PDB file of N, CA and C in Angstrom:
ATOM      1  N   MET A   1      45.394 -58.340  56.871  1.00  0.00           N
ATOM      2  CA  MET A   1      45.518 -57.410  57.961  1.00  0.00           C
ATOM      3  C   MET A   1      45.403 -55.981  57.436  1.00  0.00           C
ATOM      4  N   LEU A   2      44.900 -55.130  58.234  1.00  0.00           N
ATOM      5  CA  LEU A   2      44.741 -53.740  57.836  1.00  0.00           C
ATOM      6  C   LEU A   2      46.067 -53.011  57.709  1.00  0.00           C
ATOM      7  N   THR A   3      47.094 -53.501  58.385  1.00  0.00           N
ATOM      8  CA  THR A   3      48.395 -52.819  58.361  1.00  0.00           C
ATOM      9  C   THR A   3      49.374 -53.460  57.385  1.00  0.00           C
ATOM     10  N   CYS A   4      48.881 -54.277  56.471  1.00  0.00           N
ATOM     11  CA  CYS A   4      49.729 -54.963  55.480  1.00  0.00           C
ATOM     12  C   CYS A   4      50.702 -55.924  56.145  1.00  0.00           C
ATOM     13  N   GLY A   5      50.277 -56.623  57.152  1.00  0.00           N
ATOM     14  CA  GLY A   5      51.141 -57.603  57.809  1.00  0.00           C
ATOM     15  C   GLY A   5      51.939 -57.000  58.936  1.00  0.00           C
ATOM     16  N   PHE A   6      52.916 -57.764  59.397  1.00  0.00           N
ATOM     17  CA  PHE A   6      53.760 -57.293  60.492  1.00  0.00           C
ATOM     18  C   PHE A   6      54.709 -56.222  59.996  1.00  0.00           C
ATOM     19  N   GLN A   7      54.943 -55.241  60.830  1.00  0.00           N
ATOM     20  CA  GLN A   7      55.864 -54.159  60.513  1.00  0.00           C
ATOM     21  C   GLN A   7      57.163 -54.378  61.290  1.00  0.00           C
ATOM     22  N   PRO A   8      58.290 -53.800  60.826  1.00  0.00           N
ATOM     23  CA  PRO A   8      59.590 -54.065  61.451  1.00  0.00           C
ATOM     24  C   PRO A   8      59.649 -53.827  62.963  1.00  0.00           C
ATOM     25  N   ALA A   9      58.968 -52.864  63.476  1.00  0.00           N
ATOM     26  CA  ALA A   9      59.062 -52.553  64.907  1.00  0.00           C
ATOM     27  C   ALA A   9      57.978 -53.236  65.743  1.00  0.00           C
ATOM     28  N   ASP A  10      57.193 -54.127  65.144  1.00  0.00           N
ATOM     29  CA  ASP A  10      56.096 -54.775  65.859  1.00  0.00           C
ATOM     30  C   ASP A  10      56.594 -55.729  66.938  1.00  0.00           C
ATOM     31  N   LEU A  11      55.899 -55.745  68.038  1.00  0.00           N
ATOM     32  CA  LEU A  11      56.088 -56.736  69.088  1.00  0.00           C
ATOM     33  C   LEU A  11      54.790 -57.528  69.140  1.00  0.00           C
ATOM     34  N   ILE A  12      54.857 -58.799  68.787  1.00  0.00           N
ATOM     35  CA  ILE A  12      53.666 -59.636  68.723  1.00  0.00           C
ATOM     36  C   ILE A  12      53.619 -60.498  69.983  1.00  0.00           C
ATOM     37  N   ILE A  13      52.519 -60.443  70.696  1.00  0.00           N
ATOM     38  CA  ILE A  13      52.337 -61.247  71.903  1.00  0.00           C
ATOM     39  C   ILE A  13      51.133 -62.154  71.687  1.00  0.00           C
ATOM     40  N   ALA A  14      51.356 -63.460  71.800  1.00  0.00           N
ATOM     41  CA  ALA A  14      50.266 -64.432  71.680  1.00  0.00           C
ATOM     42  C   ALA A  14      49.871 -64.851  73.093  1.00  0.00           C
ATOM     43  N   ALA A  15      48.678 -64.492  73.496  1.00  0.00           N
ATOM     44  CA  ALA A  15      48.202 -64.821  74.838  1.00  0.00           C
ATOM     45  C   ALA A  15      46.878 -65.566  74.730  1.00  0.00           C
ATOM     46  N   ALA A  16      46.771 -66.649  75.470  1.00  0.00           N
ATOM     47  CA  ALA A  16      45.536 -67.440  75.471  1.00  0.00           C
ATOM     48  C   ALA A  16      45.605 -68.437  76.622  1.00  0.00           C
ATOM     49  N   ARG A  17      44.534 -69.183  76.772  1.00  0.00           N
ATOM     50  CA  ARG A  17      44.478 -70.215  77.808  1.00  0.00           C
ATOM     51  C   ARG A  17      45.487 -71.320  77.495  1.00  0.00           C
ATOM     52  N   PRO A  18      45.822 -72.156  78.475  1.00  0.00           N
ATOM     53  CA  PRO A  18      46.764 -73.256  78.240  1.00  0.00           C
ATOM     54  C   PRO A  18      46.256 -74.239  77.181  1.00  0.00           C
ATOM     55  N   SER A  19      47.188 -74.796  76.436  1.00  0.00           N
ATOM     56  CA  SER A  19      46.921 -75.882  75.477  1.00  0.00           C
ATOM     57  C   SER A  19      45.996 -75.497  74.333  1.00  0.00           C
ATOM     58  N   VAL A  20      46.112 -74.275  73.840  1.00  0.00           N
ATOM     59  CA  VAL A  20      45.303 -73.888  72.684  1.00  0.00           C
ATOM     60  C   VAL A  20      46.149 -73.658  71.432  1.00  0.00           C
ATOM     61  N   GLY A  21      47.468 -73.882  71.510  1.00  0.00           N
ATOM     62  CA  GLY A  21      48.304 -73.802  70.323  1.00  0.00           C
ATOM     63  C   GLY A  21      49.122 -72.540  70.163  1.00  0.00           C
ATOM     64  N   LYS A  22      49.407 -71.849  71.244  1.00  0.00           N
ATOM     65  CA  LYS A  22      50.194 -70.604  71.143  1.00  0.00           C
ATOM     66  C   LYS A  22      51.593 -70.865  70.599  1.00  0.00           C
ATOM     67  N   THR A  23      52.255 -71.892  71.104  1.00  0.00           N
ATOM     68  CA  THR A  23      53.613 -72.185  70.653  1.00  0.00           C
ATOM     69  C   THR A  23      53.609 -72.638  69.203  1.00  0.00           C
ATOM     70  N   ALA A  24      52.685 -73.505  68.837  1.00  0.00           N
ATOM     71  CA  ALA A  24      52.589 -73.956  67.445  1.00  0.00           C
ATOM     72  C   ALA A  24      52.328 -72.773  66.518  1.00  0.00           C
ATOM     73  N   PHE A  25      51.464 -71.868  66.936  1.00  0.00           N
ATOM     74  CA  PHE A  25      51.174 -70.670  66.147  1.00  0.00           C
ATOM     75  C   PHE A  25      52.424 -69.818  65.969  1.00  0.00           C
ATOM     76  N   ALA A  26      53.156 -69.589  67.062  1.00  0.00           N
ATOM     77  CA  ALA A  26      54.365 -68.763  67.001  1.00  0.00           C
ATOM     78  C   ALA A  26      55.439 -69.410  66.135  1.00  0.00           C
ATOM     79  N   LEU A  27      55.622 -70.719  66.272  1.00  0.00           N
ATOM     80  CA  LEU A  27      56.614 -71.407  65.448  1.00  0.00           C
ATOM     81  C   LEU A  27      56.228 -71.379  63.974  1.00  0.00           C
ATOM     82  N   THR A  28      54.940 -71.500  63.686  1.00  0.00           N
ATOM     83  CA  THR A  28      54.475 -71.411  62.300  1.00  0.00           C
ATOM     84  C   THR A  28      54.751 -70.027  61.729  1.00  0.00           C
ATOM     85  N   LEU A  29      54.513 -68.985  62.513  1.00  0.00           N
ATOM     86  CA  LEU A  29      54.832 -67.628  62.056  1.00  0.00           C
ATOM     87  C   LEU A  29      56.317 -67.484  61.750  1.00  0.00           C
ATOM     88  N   CYS A  30      57.160 -68.024  62.621  1.00  0.00           N
ATOM     89  CA  CYS A  30      58.610 -67.938  62.411  1.00  0.00           C
ATOM     90  C   CYS A  30      59.034 -68.677  61.152  1.00  0.00           C
ATOM     91  N   VAL A  31      58.527 -69.886  60.967  1.00  0.00           N
ATOM     92  CA  VAL A  31      58.883 -70.668  59.776  1.00  0.00           C
ATOM     93  C   VAL A  31      58.422 -69.955  58.513  1.00  0.00           C
ATOM     94  N   ASN A  32      57.204 -69.438  58.517  1.00  0.00           N
ATOM     95  CA  ASN A  32      56.698 -68.725  57.342  1.00  0.00           C
ATOM     96  C   ASN A  32      57.517 -67.480  57.049  1.00  0.00           C
ATOM     97  N   ALA A  33      57.924 -66.757  58.084  1.00  0.00           N
ATOM     98  CA  ALA A  33      58.754 -65.567  57.887  1.00  0.00           C
ATOM     99  C   ALA A  33      60.109 -65.948  57.299  1.00  0.00           C
ATOM    100  N   LEU A  34      60.687 -67.038  57.782  1.00  0.00           N
ATOM    101  CA  LEU A  34      61.982 -67.489  57.257  1.00  0.00           C
ATOM    102  C   LEU A  34      61.876 -67.965  55.817  1.00  0.00           C
ATOM    103  N   MET A  35      60.761 -68.582  55.465  1.00  0.00           N
ATOM    104  CA  MET A  35      60.579 -69.033  54.085  1.00  0.00           C
ATOM    105  C   MET A  35      60.388 -67.852  53.143  1.00  0.00           C
ATOM    106  N   LEU A  36      59.739 -66.814  53.626  1.00  0.00           N
ATOM    107  CA  LEU A  36      59.490 -65.632  52.807  1.00  0.00           C
ATOM    108  C   LEU A  36      60.751 -64.798  52.628  1.00  0.00           C
ATOM    109  N   LEU A  37      61.482 -64.578  53.709  1.00  0.00           N
ATOM    110  CA  LEU A  37      62.709 -63.772  53.686  1.00  0.00           C
ATOM    111  C   LEU A  37      63.819 -64.516  54.425  1.00  0.00           C
ATOM    112  N   PRO A  38      64.492 -65.461  53.765  1.00  0.00           N
ATOM    113  CA  PRO A  38      65.483 -66.295  54.455  1.00  0.00           C
ATOM    114  C   PRO A  38      66.660 -65.531  55.059  1.00  0.00           C
ATOM    115  N   ALA A  39      66.992 -64.375  54.537  1.00  0.00           N
ATOM    116  CA  ALA A  39      68.143 -63.625  55.051  1.00  0.00           C
ATOM    117  C   ALA A  39      67.802 -62.808  56.299  1.00  0.00           C
ATOM    118  N   GLN A  40      66.530 -62.646  56.600  1.00  0.00           N
ATOM    119  CA  GLN A  40      66.112 -61.846  57.753  1.00  0.00           C
ATOM    120  C   GLN A  40      66.112 -62.697  59.022  1.00  0.00           C
ATOM    121  N   PRO A  41      66.659 -62.193  60.109  1.00  0.00           N
ATOM    122  CA  PRO A  41      66.624 -62.956  61.362  1.00  0.00           C
ATOM    123  C   PRO A  41      65.215 -62.965  61.970  1.00  0.00           C
ATOM    124  N   VAL A  42      64.903 -64.052  62.632  1.00  0.00           N
ATOM    125  CA  VAL A  42      63.620 -64.204  63.315  1.00  0.00           C
ATOM    126  C   VAL A  42      63.918 -64.611  64.750  1.00  0.00           C
ATOM    127  N   GLN A  43      63.206 -64.019  65.696  1.00  0.00           N
ATOM    128  CA  GLN A  43      63.405 -64.350  67.110  1.00  0.00           C
ATOM    129  C   GLN A  43      62.090 -64.791  67.723  1.00  0.00           C
ATOM    130  N   ILE A  44      62.199 -65.722  68.647  1.00  0.00           N
ATOM    131  CA  ILE A  44      61.032 -66.136  69.420  1.00  0.00           C
ATOM    132  C   ILE A  44      61.467 -66.247  70.879  1.00  0.00           C
ATOM    133  N   TYR A  45      60.659 -65.734  71.772  1.00  0.00           N
ATOM    134  CA  TYR A  45      60.932 -65.792  73.208  1.00  0.00           C
ATOM    135  C   TYR A  45      59.786 -66.544  73.867  1.00  0.00           C
ATOM    136  N   SER A  46      60.121 -67.420  74.773  1.00  0.00           N
ATOM    137  CA  SER A  46      59.103 -68.167  75.498  1.00  0.00           C
ATOM    138  C   SER A  46      59.410 -68.117  76.987  1.00  0.00           C
ATOM    139  N   MET A  47      58.401 -67.847  77.773  1.00  0.00           N
ATOM    140  CA  MET A  47      58.550 -67.859  79.227  1.00  0.00           C
ATOM    141  C   MET A  47      58.379 -69.274  79.777  1.00  0.00           C
ATOM    142  N   GLU A  48      57.911 -70.203  78.933  1.00  0.00           N
ATOM    143  CA  GLU A  48      57.602 -71.551  79.396  1.00  0.00           C
ATOM    144  C   GLU A  48      58.558 -72.614  78.887  1.00  0.00           C
ATOM    145  N   MET A  49      59.244 -72.364  77.778  1.00  0.00           N
ATOM    146  CA  MET A  49      60.074 -73.395  77.157  1.00  0.00           C
ATOM    147  C   MET A  49      61.484 -72.877  76.918  1.00  0.00           C
ATOM    148  N   SER A  50      62.452 -73.778  77.045  1.00  0.00           N
ATOM    149  CA  SER A  50      63.847 -73.422  76.757  1.00  0.00           C
ATOM    150  C   SER A  50      64.071 -73.419  75.242  1.00  0.00           C
ATOM    151  N   ALA A  51      65.217 -72.925  74.821  1.00  0.00           N
ATOM    152  CA  ALA A  51      65.553 -72.911  73.395  1.00  0.00           C
ATOM    153  C   ALA A  51      65.589 -74.332  72.841  1.00  0.00           C
ATOM    154  N   GLU A  52      66.107 -75.270  73.621  1.00  0.00           N
ATOM    155  CA  GLU A  52      66.179 -76.662  73.181  1.00  0.00           C
ATOM    156  C   GLU A  52      64.783 -77.255  72.997  1.00  0.00           C
ATOM    157  N   GLN A  53      63.875 -76.939  73.912  1.00  0.00           N
ATOM    158  CA  GLN A  53      62.507 -77.441  73.802  1.00  0.00           C
ATOM    159  C   GLN A  53      61.807 -76.853  72.582  1.00  0.00           C
ATOM    160  N   LEU A  54      62.020 -75.570  72.321  1.00  0.00           N
ATOM    161  CA  LEU A  54      61.420 -74.947  71.138  1.00  0.00           C
ATOM    162  C   LEU A  54      61.964 -75.569  69.859  1.00  0.00           C
ATOM    163  N   LEU A  55      63.268 -75.817  69.826  1.00  0.00           N
ATOM    164  CA  LEU A  55      63.874 -76.436  68.652  1.00  0.00           C
ATOM    165  C   LEU A  55      63.319 -77.841  68.442  1.00  0.00           C
ATOM    166  N   LEU A  56      63.145 -78.595  69.516  1.00  0.00           N
ATOM    167  CA  LEU A  56      62.571 -79.932  69.411  1.00  0.00           C
ATOM    168  C   LEU A  56      61.147 -79.873  68.878  1.00  0.00           C
ATOM    169  N   ARG A  57      60.359 -78.930  69.344  1.00  0.00           N
ATOM    170  CA  ARG A  57      58.993 -78.758  68.827  1.00  0.00           C
ATOM    171  C   ARG A  57      59.008 -78.453  67.339  1.00  0.00           C
ATOM    172  N   LEU A  58      59.931 -77.594  66.930  1.00  0.00           N
ATOM    173  CA  LEU A  58      60.049 -77.225  65.522  1.00  0.00           C
ATOM    174  C   LEU A  58      60.424 -78.432  64.672  1.00  0.00           C
ATOM    175  N   VAL A  59      61.365 -79.227  65.140  1.00  0.00           N
ATOM    176  CA  VAL A  59      61.783 -80.430  64.402  1.00  0.00           C
ATOM    177  C   VAL A  59      60.639 -81.428  64.327  1.00  0.00           C
ATOM    178  N   ARG A  60      59.914 -81.607  65.424  1.00  0.00           N
ATOM    179  CA  ARG A  60      58.780 -82.532  65.418  1.00  0.00           C
ATOM    180  C   ARG A  60      57.710 -82.093  64.429  1.00  0.00           C
ATOM    181  N   CYS A  61      57.442 -80.810  64.371  1.00  0.00           N
ATOM    182  CA  CYS A  61      56.437 -80.294  63.432  1.00  0.00           C
ATOM    183  C   CYS A  61      56.859 -80.574  61.998  1.00  0.00           C
ATOM    184  N   SER A  62      58.118 -80.336  61.680  1.00  0.00           N
ATOM    185  CA  SER A  62      58.576 -80.528  60.305  1.00  0.00           C
ATOM    186  C   SER A  62      58.647 -82.011  59.960  1.00  0.00           C
ATOM    187  N   ASP A  63      58.992 -82.882  60.910  1.00  0.00           N
ATOM    188  CA  ASP A  63      59.018 -84.319  60.649  1.00  0.00           C
ATOM    189  C   ASP A  63      57.620 -84.857  60.379  1.00  0.00           C
ATOM    190  N   ALA A  64      56.631 -84.373  61.112  1.00  0.00           N
ATOM    191  CA  ALA A  64      55.264 -84.862  60.953  1.00  0.00           C
ATOM    192  C   ALA A  64      54.730 -84.566  59.563  1.00  0.00           C
ATOM    193  N   SER A  65      55.138 -83.452  58.979  1.00  0.00           N
ATOM    194  CA  SER A  65      54.614 -83.091  57.664  1.00  0.00           C
ATOM    195  C   SER A  65      55.189 -83.979  56.568  1.00  0.00           C
ATOM    196  N   ARG A  66      56.296 -84.678  56.836  1.00  0.00           N
ATOM    197  CA  ARG A  66      56.914 -85.528  55.825  1.00  0.00           C
ATOM    198  C   ARG A  66      56.486 -86.984  55.927  1.00  0.00           C
ATOM    199  N   LYS A  67      55.769 -87.352  56.959  1.00  0.00           N
ATOM    200  CA  LYS A  67      55.383 -88.746  57.151  1.00  0.00           C
ATOM    201  C   LYS A  67      53.870 -88.879  57.029  1.00  0.00           C
ATOM    202  N   PRO A  68      53.382 -89.434  55.917  1.00  0.00           N
ATOM    203  CA  PRO A  68      51.932 -89.573  55.755  1.00  0.00           C
ATOM    204  C   PRO A  68      51.331 -90.470  56.842  1.00  0.00           C
ATOM    205  N   GLY A  69      50.200 -90.076  57.345  1.00  0.00           N
ATOM    206  CA  GLY A  69      49.511 -90.848  58.360  1.00  0.00           C
ATOM    207  C   GLY A  69      50.022 -90.647  59.768  1.00  0.00           C
ATOM    208  N   TYR A  70      51.017 -89.785  59.942  1.00  0.00           N
ATOM    209  CA  TYR A  70      51.590 -89.538  61.263  1.00  0.00           C
ATOM    210  C   TYR A  70      51.059 -88.221  61.789  1.00  0.00           C
ATOM    211  N   VAL A  71      50.573 -88.238  63.006  1.00  0.00           N
ATOM    212  CA  VAL A  71      50.093 -87.019  63.642  1.00  0.00           C
ATOM    213  C   VAL A  71      51.003 -86.725  64.826  1.00  0.00           C
ATOM    214  N   ALA A  72      51.605 -85.553  64.821  1.00  0.00           N
ATOM    215  CA  ALA A  72      52.512 -85.181  65.904  1.00  0.00           C
ATOM    216  C   ALA A  72      51.722 -84.702  67.103  1.00  0.00           C
ATOM    217  N   ALA A  73      52.106 -85.137  68.260  1.00  0.00           N
ATOM    218  CA  ALA A  73      51.509 -84.658  69.503  1.00  0.00           C
ATOM    219  C   ALA A  73      52.424 -83.579  70.047  1.00  0.00           C
ATOM    220  N   ILE A  74      52.152 -82.346  69.654  1.00  0.00           N
ATOM    221  CA  ILE A  74      53.025 -81.246  70.069  1.00  0.00           C
ATOM    222  C   ILE A  74      52.320 -80.330  71.022  1.00  0.00           C
TER     223      ILE A  74
END
């Protein structure tokens, strides 16, 4: 990125047509940010999914990566 990545005051909005992976993209960004800086808080807001649904998606994504031959339908 030209700005050396995300900056502290950035507001990132992922907008696209339905079923193109916006939630998966956002969750991947959050996981990568947490792995890079575990002490920093990360927030995600969704107008379509509850906190429980987002957490379930996150757990499903991480479970799929540990099971060879398994493809998660997220």
